[in-house]
């Protein structure tokens, strides 16, 4: 398997880690592995963060997009407008987009 770039690899690895932990948890509940497996007993040591608000208004988003390289301005608007996490928008592929839709 090859990856187009390092960001795609990092997004894939993050998804793999989450999936592996979920699979181990299921296997423990199903009795396929020892119930007190270290992966099942490990809690996330980091407290959950609240929702981050980086911009006060949409005008702030557009101002940032205007200030940076034009190639990245659209990315700023897309990321802020969709609310996708970086790992999600980095992993997007052309086939994930429905350009024929009438929806905004």
PDB file of N, CA and C in Angstrom:
ATOM      1  N   UNK A   1       0.851  -1.169   0.000  1.00  0.00           N
ATOM      2  CA  UNK A   1       0.000   0.000   0.000  1.00  0.00           C
ATOM      3  C   UNK A   1       0.897   1.232   0.000  1.00  0.00           C
ATOM      4  N   UNK A   2       0.554   2.197  -0.811  1.00  0.00           N
ATOM      5  CA  UNK A   2       1.321   3.434  -0.844  1.00  0.00           C
ATOM      6  C   UNK A   2       0.419   4.592  -0.449  1.00  0.00           C
ATOM      7  N   UNK A   3       1.021   5.636   0.040  1.00  0.00           N
ATOM      8  CA  UNK A   3       0.283   6.818   0.453  1.00  0.00           C
ATOM      9  C   UNK A   3       0.800   8.010  -0.330  1.00  0.00           C
ATOM     10  N   UNK A   4      -0.125   8.867  -0.740  1.00  0.00           N
ATOM     11  CA  UNK A   4       0.233  10.015  -1.568  1.00  0.00           C
ATOM     12  C   UNK A   4       1.164  10.960  -0.828  1.00  0.00           C
ATOM     13  N   UNK A   5       0.946  11.115   0.451  1.00  0.00           N
ATOM     14  CA  UNK A   5       1.800  12.009   1.215  1.00  0.00           C
ATOM     15  C   UNK A   5       1.765  11.637   2.694  1.00  0.00           C
ATOM     16  N   UNK A   6       2.583  12.297   3.460  1.00  0.00           N
ATOM     17  CA  UNK A   6       2.706  11.985   4.883  1.00  0.00           C
ATOM     18  C   UNK A   6       1.414  12.266   5.640  1.00  0.00           C
ATOM     19  N   UNK A   7       0.673  13.302   5.246  1.00  0.00           N
ATOM     20  CA  UNK A   7      -0.574  13.625   5.943  1.00  0.00           C
ATOM     21  C   UNK A   7      -1.599  12.514   5.781  1.00  0.00           C
ATOM     22  N   UNK A   8      -1.686  11.940   4.591  1.00  0.00           N
ATOM     23  CA  UNK A   8      -2.609  10.829   4.374  1.00  0.00           C
ATOM     24  C   UNK A   8      -2.216   9.654   5.251  1.00  0.00           C
ATOM     25  N   UNK A   9      -0.934   9.382   5.347  1.00  0.00           N
ATOM     26  CA  UNK A   9      -0.450   8.296   6.193  1.00  0.00           C
ATOM     27  C   UNK A   9      -0.823   8.538   7.648  1.00  0.00           C
ATOM     28  N   UNK A  10      -0.630   9.757   8.140  1.00  0.00           N
ATOM     29  CA  UNK A  10      -0.948  10.069   9.538  1.00  0.00           C
ATOM     30  C   UNK A  10      -2.441   9.930   9.806  1.00  0.00           C
ATOM     31  N   UNK A  11      -3.281  10.373   8.870  1.00  0.00           N
ATOM     32  CA  UNK A  11      -4.728  10.237   9.041  1.00  0.00           C
ATOM     33  C   UNK A  11      -5.110   8.765   9.065  1.00  0.00           C
ATOM     34  N   UNK A  12      -4.484   7.962   8.214  1.00  0.00           N
ATOM     35  CA  UNK A  12      -4.767   6.534   8.155  1.00  0.00           C
ATOM     36  C   UNK A  12      -4.322   5.851   9.445  1.00  0.00           C
ATOM     37  N   UNK A  13      -3.145   6.205   9.949  1.00  0.00           N
ATOM     38  CA  UNK A  13      -2.649   5.599  11.186  1.00  0.00           C
ATOM     39  C   UNK A  13      -3.559   5.920  12.364  1.00  0.00           C
ATOM     40  N   UNK A  14      -4.065   7.141  12.426  1.00  0.00           N
ATOM     41  CA  UNK A  14      -4.956   7.528  13.516  1.00  0.00           C
ATOM     42  C   UNK A  14      -6.239   6.705  13.471  1.00  0.00           C
ATOM     43  N   UNK A  15      -6.791   6.537  12.269  1.00  0.00           N
ATOM     44  CA  UNK A  15      -8.003   5.736  12.117  1.00  0.00           C
ATOM     45  C   UNK A  15      -7.717   4.274  12.467  1.00  0.00           C
ATOM     46  N   UNK A  16      -6.539   3.776  12.101  1.00  0.00           N
ATOM     47  CA  UNK A  16      -6.169   2.399  12.410  1.00  0.00           C
ATOM     48  C   UNK A  16      -6.092   2.196  13.922  1.00  0.00           C
ATOM     49  N   UNK A  17      -5.469   3.141  14.641  1.00  0.00           N
ATOM     50  CA  UNK A  17      -5.354   3.021  16.099  1.00  0.00           C
ATOM     51  C   UNK A  17      -6.728   2.944  16.749  1.00  0.00           C
ATOM     52  N   UNK A  18      -7.642   3.809  16.321  1.00  0.00           N
ATOM     53  CA  UNK A  18      -8.988   3.815  16.890  1.00  0.00           C
ATOM     54  C   UNK A  18      -9.709   2.511  16.571  1.00  0.00           C
ATOM     55  N   UNK A  19      -9.553   2.026  15.356  1.00  0.00           N
ATOM     56  CA  UNK A  19     -10.204   0.780  14.967  1.00  0.00           C
ATOM     57  C   UNK A  19      -9.651  -0.420  15.701  1.00  0.00           C
ATOM     58  N   UNK A  20      -8.340  -0.445  15.911  1.00  0.00           N
ATOM     59  CA  UNK A  20      -7.715  -1.556  16.625  1.00  0.00           C
ATOM     60  C   UNK A  20      -8.212  -1.611  18.066  1.00  0.00           C
ATOM     61  N   UNK A  21      -8.285  -0.466  18.716  1.00  0.00           N
ATOM     62  CA  UNK A  21      -8.751  -0.445  20.103  1.00  0.00           C
ATOM     63  C   UNK A  21     -10.209  -0.904  20.186  1.00  0.00           C
ATOM     64  N   UNK A  22     -11.022  -0.494  19.207  1.00  0.00           N
ATOM     65  CA  UNK A  22     -12.416  -0.905  19.177  1.00  0.00           C
ATOM     66  C   UNK A  22     -12.522  -2.426  18.981  1.00  0.00           C
ATOM     67  N   UNK A  23     -11.670  -2.972  18.112  1.00  0.00           N
ATOM     68  CA  UNK A  23     -11.677  -4.419  17.867  1.00  0.00           C
ATOM     69  C   UNK A  23     -11.258  -5.189  19.120  1.00  0.00           C
ATOM     70  N   UNK A  24     -10.238  -4.708  19.819  1.00  0.00           N
ATOM     71  CA  UNK A  24      -9.820  -5.356  21.058  1.00  0.00           C
ATOM     72  C   UNK A  24     -10.924  -5.298  22.110  1.00  0.00           C
ATOM     73  N   UNK A  25     -11.595  -4.172  22.203  1.00  0.00           N
ATOM     74  CA  UNK A  25     -12.671  -4.033  23.182  1.00  0.00           C
ATOM     75  C   UNK A  25     -13.792  -5.034  22.865  1.00  0.00           C
ATOM     76  N   UNK A  26     -14.157  -5.150  21.577  1.00  0.00           N
ATOM     77  CA  UNK A  26     -15.189  -6.104  21.174  1.00  0.00           C
ATOM     78  C   UNK A  26     -14.760  -7.531  21.495  1.00  0.00           C
ATOM     79  N   UNK A  27     -13.501  -7.872  21.173  1.00  0.00           N
ATOM     80  CA  UNK A  27     -13.005  -9.229  21.427  1.00  0.00           C
ATOM     81  C   UNK A  27     -13.034  -9.548  22.921  1.00  0.00           C
ATOM     82  N   UNK A  28     -12.747  -8.579  23.766  1.00  0.00           N
ATOM     83  CA  UNK A  28     -12.806  -8.785  25.210  1.00  0.00           C
ATOM     84  C   UNK A  28     -14.229  -9.015  25.680  1.00  0.00           C
ATOM     85  N   UNK A  29     -15.159  -8.240  25.164  1.00  0.00           N
ATOM     86  CA  UNK A  29     -16.563  -8.403  25.547  1.00  0.00           C
ATOM     87  C   UNK A  29     -17.123  -9.725  25.036  1.00  0.00           C
ATOM     88  N   UNK A  30     -16.623 -10.201  23.895  1.00  0.00           N
ATOM     89  CA  UNK A  30     -17.093 -11.462  23.323  1.00  0.00           C
ATOM     90  C   UNK A  30     -16.390 -12.670  23.941  1.00  0.00           C
ATOM     91  N   UNK A  31     -15.414 -12.440  24.812  1.00  0.00           N
ATOM     92  CA  UNK A  31     -14.701 -13.519  25.469  1.00  0.00           C
ATOM     93  C   UNK A  31     -13.631 -14.166  24.595  1.00  0.00           C
ATOM     94  N   UNK A  32     -13.226 -13.492  23.540  1.00  0.00           N
ATOM     95  CA  UNK A  32     -12.215 -14.049  22.644  1.00  0.00           C
ATOM     96  C   UNK A  32     -10.798 -13.799  23.139  1.00  0.00           C
ATOM     97  N   UNK A  33     -10.620 -12.795  23.957  1.00  0.00           N
ATOM     98  CA  UNK A  33      -9.329 -12.524  24.574  1.00  0.00           C
ATOM     99  C   UNK A  33      -9.575 -12.288  26.061  1.00  0.00           C
ATOM    100  N   UNK A  34      -8.499 -12.265  26.819  1.00  0.00           N
ATOM    101  CA  UNK A  34      -8.593 -12.042  28.262  1.00  0.00           C
ATOM    102  C   UNK A  34      -9.343 -10.737  28.531  1.00  0.00           C
ATOM    103  N   UNK A  35     -10.285 -10.801  29.433  1.00  0.00           N
ATOM    104  CA  UNK A  35     -11.151  -9.641  29.696  1.00  0.00           C
ATOM    105  C   UNK A  35     -10.357  -8.423  30.156  1.00  0.00           C
ATOM    106  N   UNK A  36      -9.306  -8.622  30.939  1.00  0.00           N
ATOM    107  CA  UNK A  36      -8.533  -7.488  31.454  1.00  0.00           C
ATOM    108  C   UNK A  36      -7.277  -7.290  30.630  1.00  0.00           C
ATOM    109  N   UNK A  37      -7.466  -7.208  29.361  1.00  0.00           N
ATOM    110  CA  UNK A  37      -6.351  -6.942  28.447  1.00  0.00           C
ATOM    111  C   UNK A  37      -5.893  -5.491  28.673  1.00  0.00           C
ATOM    112  N   UNK A  38      -4.586  -5.232  28.632  1.00  0.00           N
ATOM    113  CA  UNK A  38      -4.097  -3.864  28.879  1.00  0.00           C
ATOM    114  C   UNK A  38      -4.744  -2.807  27.989  1.00  0.00           C
ATOM    115  N   UNK A  39      -5.037  -3.157  26.758  1.00  0.00           N
ATOM    116  CA  UNK A  39      -5.658  -2.173  25.868  1.00  0.00           C
ATOM    117  C   UNK A  39      -7.050  -1.823  26.337  1.00  0.00           C
ATOM    118  N   UNK A  40      -7.771  -2.809  26.878  1.00  0.00           N
ATOM    119  CA  UNK A  40      -9.130  -2.554  27.347  1.00  0.00           C
ATOM    120  C   UNK A  40      -9.132  -1.724  28.623  1.00  0.00           C
ATOM    121  N   UNK A  41      -8.106  -1.889  29.444  1.00  0.00           N
ATOM    122  CA  UNK A  41      -8.061  -1.202  30.730  1.00  0.00           C
ATOM    123  C   UNK A  41      -7.465   0.201  30.657  1.00  0.00           C
ATOM    124  N   UNK A  42      -6.856   0.536  29.543  1.00  0.00           N
ATOM    125  CA  UNK A  42      -6.209   1.833  29.415  1.00  0.00           C
ATOM    126  C   UNK A  42      -7.246   2.917  29.142  1.00  0.00           C
ATOM    127  N   UNK A  43      -7.267   3.896  29.988  1.00  0.00           N
ATOM    128  CA  UNK A  43      -8.164   5.031  29.802  1.00  0.00           C
ATOM    129  C   UNK A  43      -7.391   6.172  29.171  1.00  0.00           C
ATOM    130  N   UNK A  44      -8.090   6.995  28.462  1.00  0.00           N
ATOM    131  CA  UNK A  44      -7.470   8.174  27.874  1.00  0.00           C
ATOM    132  C   UNK A  44      -7.086   9.126  29.006  1.00  0.00           C
ATOM    133  N   UNK A  45      -5.799   9.383  29.139  1.00  0.00           N
ATOM    134  CA  UNK A  45      -5.312  10.214  30.229  1.00  0.00           C
ATOM    135  C   UNK A  45      -5.584  11.696  30.012  1.00  0.00           C
ATOM    136  N   UNK A  46      -5.858  12.050  28.779  1.00  0.00           N
ATOM    137  CA  UNK A  46      -6.096  13.458  28.467  1.00  0.00           C
ATOM    138  C   UNK A  46      -7.573  13.790  28.685  1.00  0.00           C
ATOM    139  N   UNK A  47      -7.870  14.870  29.384  1.00  0.00           N
ATOM    140  CA  UNK A  47      -9.280  15.261  29.535  1.00  0.00           C
ATOM    141  C   UNK A  47      -9.843  15.710  28.188  1.00  0.00           C
ATOM    142  N   UNK A  48     -11.127  15.504  28.010  1.00  0.00           N
ATOM    143  CA  UNK A  48     -11.774  15.950  26.777  1.00  0.00           C
ATOM    144  C   UNK A  48     -11.765  17.472  26.711  1.00  0.00           C
ATOM    145  N   UNK A  49     -11.437  17.950  25.546  1.00  0.00           N
ATOM    146  CA  UNK A  49     -11.444  19.398  25.356  1.00  0.00           C
ATOM    147  C   UNK A  49     -12.815  19.841  24.883  1.00  0.00           C
ATOM    148  N   UNK A  50     -13.173  21.025  25.254  1.00  0.00           N
ATOM    149  CA  UNK A  50     -14.427  21.594  24.773  1.00  0.00           C
ATOM    150  C   UNK A  50     -14.271  22.035  23.328  1.00  0.00           C
ATOM    151  N   UNK A  51     -15.355  22.430  22.750  1.00  0.00           N
ATOM    152  CA  UNK A  51     -15.329  22.879  21.362  1.00  0.00           C
ATOM    153  C   UNK A  51     -14.521  24.171  21.264  1.00  0.00           C
ATOM    154  N   UNK A  52     -13.654  24.238  20.282  1.00  0.00           N
ATOM    155  CA  UNK A  52     -12.811  25.413  20.098  1.00  0.00           C
ATOM    156  C   UNK A  52     -13.458  26.353  19.079  1.00  0.00           C
ATOM    157  N   UNK A  53     -13.454  27.614  19.394  1.00  0.00           N
ATOM    158  CA  UNK A  53     -13.975  28.632  18.480  1.00  0.00           C
ATOM    159  C   UNK A  53     -12.815  29.559  18.128  1.00  0.00           C
ATOM    160  N   UNK A  54     -12.299  29.392  16.930  1.00  0.00           N
ATOM    161  CA  UNK A  54     -11.122  30.155  16.531  1.00  0.00           C
ATOM    162  C   UNK A  54     -11.471  31.485  15.882  1.00  0.00           C
ATOM    163  N   UNK A  55     -12.683  31.606  15.380  1.00  0.00           N
ATOM    164  CA  UNK A  55     -13.087  32.822  14.685  1.00  0.00           C
ATOM    165  C   UNK A  55     -14.377  33.343  15.296  1.00  0.00           C
ATOM    166  N   UNK A  56     -14.453  34.654  15.428  1.00  0.00           N
ATOM    167  CA  UNK A  56     -15.661  35.274  15.970  1.00  0.00           C
ATOM    168  C   UNK A  56     -16.760  35.359  14.915  1.00  0.00           C
ATOM    169  N   UNK A  57     -16.376  35.685  13.692  1.00  0.00           N
ATOM    170  CA  UNK A  57     -17.362  35.854  12.620  1.00  0.00           C
ATOM    171  C   UNK A  57     -16.838  35.219  11.341  1.00  0.00           C
ATOM    172  N   UNK A  58     -17.732  35.048  10.370  1.00  0.00           N
ATOM    173  CA  UNK A  58     -17.326  34.520   9.071  1.00  0.00           C
ATOM    174  C   UNK A  58     -16.390  35.505   8.374  1.00  0.00           C
ATOM    175  N   UNK A  59     -16.536  36.789   8.656  1.00  0.00           N
ATOM    176  CA  UNK A  59     -15.637  37.793   8.081  1.00  0.00           C
ATOM    177  C   UNK A  59     -14.196  37.548   8.525  1.00  0.00           C
ATOM    178  N   UNK A  60     -14.000  37.060   9.748  1.00  0.00           N
ATOM    179  CA  UNK A  60     -12.656  36.726  10.228  1.00  0.00           C
ATOM    180  C   UNK A  60     -12.055  35.580   9.416  1.00  0.00           C
ATOM    181  N   UNK A  61     -12.877  34.599   9.078  1.00  0.00           N
ATOM    182  CA  UNK A  61     -12.415  33.467   8.265  1.00  0.00           C
ATOM    183  C   UNK A  61     -11.977  33.974   6.889  1.00  0.00           C
ATOM    184  N   UNK A  62     -12.825  34.786   6.279  1.00  0.00           N
ATOM    185  CA  UNK A  62     -12.504  35.326   4.953  1.00  0.00           C
ATOM    186  C   UNK A  62     -11.272  36.223   4.991  1.00  0.00           C
ATOM    187  N   UNK A  63     -11.102  36.975   6.071  1.00  0.00           N
ATOM    188  CA  UNK A  63      -9.924  37.839   6.195  1.00  0.00           C
ATOM    189  C   UNK A  63      -8.650  37.004   6.254  1.00  0.00           C
ATOM    190  N   UNK A  64      -8.674  35.909   6.994  1.00  0.00           N
ATOM    191  CA  UNK A  64      -7.515  35.023   7.057  1.00  0.00           C
ATOM    192  C   UNK A  64      -7.245  34.406   5.684  1.00  0.00           C
ATOM    193  N   UNK A  65      -8.298  33.947   5.017  1.00  0.00           N
ATOM    194  CA  UNK A  65      -8.144  33.342   3.693  1.00  0.00           C
ATOM    195  C   UNK A  65      -7.544  34.337   2.703  1.00  0.00           C
ATOM    196  N   UNK A  66      -7.890  35.608   2.823  1.00  0.00           N
ATOM    197  CA  UNK A  66      -7.351  36.643   1.932  1.00  0.00           C
ATOM    198  C   UNK A  66      -5.884  36.952   2.229  1.00  0.00           C
ATOM    199  N   UNK A  67      -5.474  36.775   3.476  1.00  0.00           N
ATOM    200  CA  UNK A  67      -4.117  37.122   3.897  1.00  0.00           C
ATOM    201  C   UNK A  67      -3.062  36.101   3.482  1.00  0.00           C
ATOM    202  N   UNK A  68      -3.454  34.836   3.365  1.00  0.00           N
ATOM    203  CA  UNK A  68      -2.467  33.801   3.084  1.00  0.00           C
ATOM    204  C   UNK A  68      -2.392  33.493   1.595  1.00  0.00           C
ATOM    205  N   UNK A  69      -1.503  32.597   1.248  1.00  0.00           N
ATOM    206  CA  UNK A  69      -1.310  32.175  -0.138  1.00  0.00           C
ATOM    207  C   UNK A  69      -2.650  31.784  -0.758  1.00  0.00           C
ATOM    208  N   UNK A  70      -2.961  32.251  -1.960  1.00  0.00           N
ATOM    209  CA  UNK A  70      -4.253  31.948  -2.592  1.00  0.00           C
ATOM    210  C   UNK A  70      -4.540  30.448  -2.720  1.00  0.00           C
ATOM    211  N   UNK A  71      -3.504  29.633  -2.826  1.00  0.00           N
ATOM    212  CA  UNK A  71      -3.719  28.194  -2.921  1.00  0.00           C
ATOM    213  C   UNK A  71      -4.335  27.628  -1.646  1.00  0.00           C
ATOM    214  N   UNK A  72      -4.072  28.260  -0.519  1.00  0.00           N
ATOM    215  CA  UNK A  72      -4.559  27.751   0.754  1.00  0.00           C
ATOM    216  C   UNK A  72      -5.801  28.482   1.258  1.00  0.00           C
ATOM    217  N   UNK A  73      -6.153  29.583   0.657  1.00  0.00           N
ATOM    218  CA  UNK A  73      -7.329  30.348   1.086  1.00  0.00           C
ATOM    219  C   UNK A  73      -8.603  29.530   1.004  1.00  0.00           C
ATOM    220  N   UNK A  74      -8.763  28.796  -0.106  1.00  0.00           N
ATOM    221  CA  UNK A  74      -9.955  27.966  -0.266  1.00  0.00           C
ATOM    222  C   UNK A  74      -9.998  26.867   0.790  1.00  0.00           C
ATOM    223  N   UNK A  75      -8.834  26.362   1.165  1.00  0.00           N
ATOM    224  CA  UNK A  75      -8.768  25.320   2.184  1.00  0.00           C
ATOM    225  C   UNK A  75      -9.246  25.852   3.542  1.00  0.00           C
ATOM    226  N   UNK A  76      -8.858  27.077   3.868  1.00  0.00           N
ATOM    227  CA  UNK A  76      -9.308  27.701   5.126  1.00  0.00           C
ATOM    228  C   UNK A  76     -10.823  27.827   5.135  1.00  0.00           C
ATOM    229  N   UNK A  77     -11.388  28.292   4.033  1.00  0.00           N
ATOM    230  CA  UNK A  77     -12.841  28.469   3.954  1.00  0.00           C
ATOM    231  C   UNK A  77     -13.541  27.112   4.021  1.00  0.00           C
ATOM    232  N   UNK A  78     -13.000  26.125   3.320  1.00  0.00           N
ATOM    233  CA  UNK A  78     -13.592  24.782   3.345  1.00  0.00           C
ATOM    234  C   UNK A  78     -13.560  24.197   4.753  1.00  0.00           C
ATOM    235  N   UNK A  79     -12.414  24.256   5.409  1.00  0.00           N
ATOM    236  CA  UNK A  79     -12.267  23.673   6.748  1.00  0.00           C
ATOM    237  C   UNK A  79     -13.194  24.355   7.755  1.00  0.00           C
ATOM    238  N   UNK A  80     -13.244  25.670   7.718  1.00  0.00           N
ATOM    239  CA  UNK A  80     -14.093  26.395   8.665  1.00  0.00           C
ATOM    240  C   UNK A  80     -15.571  26.196   8.346  1.00  0.00           C
ATOM    241  N   UNK A  81     -15.904  26.119   7.068  1.00  0.00           N
ATOM    242  CA  UNK A  81     -17.301  25.985   6.664  1.00  0.00           C
ATOM    243  C   UNK A  81     -17.885  24.605   6.908  1.00  0.00           C
ATOM    244  N   UNK A  82     -17.068  23.569   6.820  1.00  0.00           N
ATOM    245  CA  UNK A  82     -17.584  22.210   7.000  1.00  0.00           C
ATOM    246  C   UNK A  82     -17.497  21.733   8.435  1.00  0.00           C
ATOM    247  N   UNK A  83     -16.551  22.251   9.195  1.00  0.00           N
ATOM    248  CA  UNK A  83     -16.373  21.792  10.564  1.00  0.00           C
ATOM    249  C   UNK A  83     -15.651  20.454  10.647  1.00  0.00           C
ATOM    250  N   UNK A  84     -15.106  19.990   9.520  1.00  0.00           N
ATOM    251  CA  UNK A  84     -14.357  18.732   9.535  1.00  0.00           C
ATOM    252  C   UNK A  84     -13.064  18.897  10.328  1.00  0.00           C
ATOM    253  N   UNK A  85     -12.646  17.837  10.978  1.00  0.00           N
ATOM    254  CA  UNK A  85     -11.356  17.841  11.659  1.00  0.00           C
ATOM    255  C   UNK A  85     -10.256  17.716  10.620  1.00  0.00           C
ATOM    256  N   UNK A  86      -9.035  18.165  10.937  1.00  0.00           N
ATOM    257  CA  UNK A  86      -7.944  18.075   9.952  1.00  0.00           C
ATOM    258  C   UNK A  86      -7.747  16.672   9.392  1.00  0.00           C
ATOM    259  N   UNK A  87      -7.801  15.662  10.225  1.00  0.00           N
ATOM    260  CA  UNK A  87      -7.635  14.302   9.728  1.00  0.00           C
ATOM    261  C   UNK A  87      -8.709  13.899   8.735  1.00  0.00           C
ATOM    262  N   UNK A  88      -9.901  14.473   8.881  1.00  0.00           N
ATOM    263  CA  UNK A  88     -11.002  14.160   7.976  1.00  0.00           C
ATOM    264  C   UNK A  88     -10.839  14.865   6.636  1.00  0.00           C
ATOM    265  N   UNK A  89     -10.503  16.164   6.647  1.00  0.00           N
ATOM    266  CA  UNK A  89     -10.393  16.844   5.351  1.00  0.00           C
ATOM    267  C   UNK A  89      -9.093  16.512   4.640  1.00  0.00           C
ATOM    268  N   UNK A  90      -8.072  16.100   5.380  1.00  0.00           N
ATOM    269  CA  UNK A  90      -6.823  15.677   4.740  1.00  0.00           C
ATOM    270  C   UNK A  90      -7.051  14.360   3.991  1.00  0.00           C
ATOM    271  N   UNK A  91      -7.863  13.485   4.558  1.00  0.00           N
ATOM    272  CA  UNK A  91      -8.095  12.170   3.962  1.00  0.00           C
ATOM    273  C   UNK A  91      -9.130  12.173   2.845  1.00  0.00           C
ATOM    274  N   UNK A  92      -9.792  13.297   2.600  1.00  0.00           N
ATOM    275  CA  UNK A  92     -10.799  13.351   1.538  1.00  0.00           C
ATOM    276  C   UNK A  92     -10.188  13.057   0.182  1.00  0.00           C
ATOM    277  N   UNK A  93     -10.942  12.368  -0.634  1.00  0.00           N
ATOM    278  CA  UNK A  93     -10.544  12.098  -2.009  1.00  0.00           C
ATOM    279  C   UNK A  93     -11.638  12.603  -2.936  1.00  0.00           C
ATOM    280  N   UNK A  94     -11.315  12.761  -4.196  1.00  0.00           N
ATOM    281  CA  UNK A  94     -12.278  13.286  -5.165  1.00  0.00           C
ATOM    282  C   UNK A  94     -13.567  12.464  -5.165  1.00  0.00           C
ATOM    283  N   UNK A  95     -13.458  11.150  -5.024  1.00  0.00           N
ATOM    284  CA  UNK A  95     -14.642  10.295  -5.051  1.00  0.00           C
ATOM    285  C   UNK A  95     -15.569  10.527  -3.859  1.00  0.00           C
ATOM    286  N   UNK A  96     -15.087  11.198  -2.802  1.00  0.00           N
ATOM    287  CA  UNK A  96     -15.911  11.499  -1.635  1.00  0.00           C
ATOM    288  C   UNK A  96     -16.844  12.684  -1.870  1.00  0.00           C
ATOM    289  N   UNK A  97     -16.626  13.438  -2.918  1.00  0.00           N
ATOM    290  CA  UNK A  97     -17.387  14.644  -3.188  1.00  0.00           C
ATOM    291  C   UNK A  97     -18.481  14.377  -4.219  1.00  0.00           C
ATOM    292  N   UNK A  98     -19.670  14.917  -3.973  1.00  0.00           N
ATOM    293  CA  UNK A  98     -20.776  14.814  -4.922  1.00  0.00           C
ATOM    294  C   UNK A  98     -20.950  16.196  -5.551  1.00  0.00           C
ATOM    295  N   UNK A  99     -20.309  16.405  -6.680  1.00  0.00           N
ATOM    296  CA  UNK A  99     -20.341  17.714  -7.330  1.00  0.00           C
ATOM    297  C   UNK A  99     -21.605  17.936  -8.133  1.00  0.00           C
ATOM    298  N   UNK A 100     -22.424  16.897  -8.299  1.00  0.00           N
ATOM    299  CA  UNK A 100     -23.659  17.040  -9.074  1.00  0.00           C
ATOM    300  C   UNK A 100     -24.860  17.381  -8.195  1.00  0.00           C
ATOM    301  N   UNK A 101     -24.673  17.423  -6.897  1.00  0.00           N
ATOM    302  CA  UNK A 101     -25.758  17.690  -5.970  1.00  0.00           C
ATOM    303  C   UNK A 101     -26.258  19.125  -6.077  1.00  0.00           C
ATOM    304  N   UNK A 102     -27.560  19.312  -5.863  1.00  0.00           N
ATOM    305  CA  UNK A 102     -28.139  20.663  -5.869  1.00  0.00           C
ATOM    306  C   UNK A 102     -28.060  21.312  -4.507  1.00  0.00           C
ATOM    307  N   UNK A 103     -27.671  20.560  -3.497  1.00  0.00           N
ATOM    308  CA  UNK A 103     -27.588  21.099  -2.136  1.00  0.00           C
ATOM    309  C   UNK A 103     -26.438  22.091  -2.038  1.00  0.00           C
ATOM    310  N   UNK A 104     -26.612  23.076  -1.155  1.00  0.00           N
ATOM    311  CA  UNK A 104     -25.510  24.028  -0.951  1.00  0.00           C
ATOM    312  C   UNK A 104     -24.357  23.395  -0.205  1.00  0.00           C
TER     313      UNK A 104
END
